[in-house]
Amino acid sequence: MGSAATYRPFRRLWAWGLALLVVSSVWLGLKPAAAAAENYNRENLVMADFAGKDLTPDDFTKANMRQADLNHAIAAGVRFFATNLEAANLEGTDLRFAVLDSARLVNASLKDALLEGAFAMNADFRGADITGADFTDVLLRSDAQNLLCQTASGTNPITGQETRDTLMCP
């Protein structure tokens, strides 16, 4: 067996290696790994509170989010495929490039929401409040676009775009 003095160089080397790793990660600007995405697929989230939260990596495919509060949430690129968002509060929510295909947004509040580039084919917007929402480059069926144009009004406070213009209403 060796004496304690024999192991000191190894401990010192290990300490220097750890210090070098910490300093180099700070110097290189390395950041901890991003939070893992939450998977809410098919979950019952009736009246759930997601207000003001960053939902960016999350997936809500086929979830029941009736009357959920997503007001001013960041949901850019989030999947809401076939999600029930009936009477949900999406006021001021960032839904840019979100997947809303086959989503049910009946009587939902999309007031001042950002939907730029979202995919909303087959989405049901009946009775939705879209005052001030920005629909720039949103993929919609023509019947959904016509329905939305019937009530479209307002200006988005972030982009400055008129809702009717972003929907290309006549």
Foldseek 3Di string as FASTA:
>chain_A
DDDPVVCVVVVVVVVVVVVVVVVVCVVVVPDPDDDDQAEQEQAEQDQNEQDQEENDRYEHDQYEHDQHEPDLYEHDQYECHLYEDDQHEPANYEHDQYEQDNYEDALYECALYEHANYEHENYHNHNYHHAQYAQANYHYDPVVLVRCLVRFAHHRPPPRHGNNVRSVPD
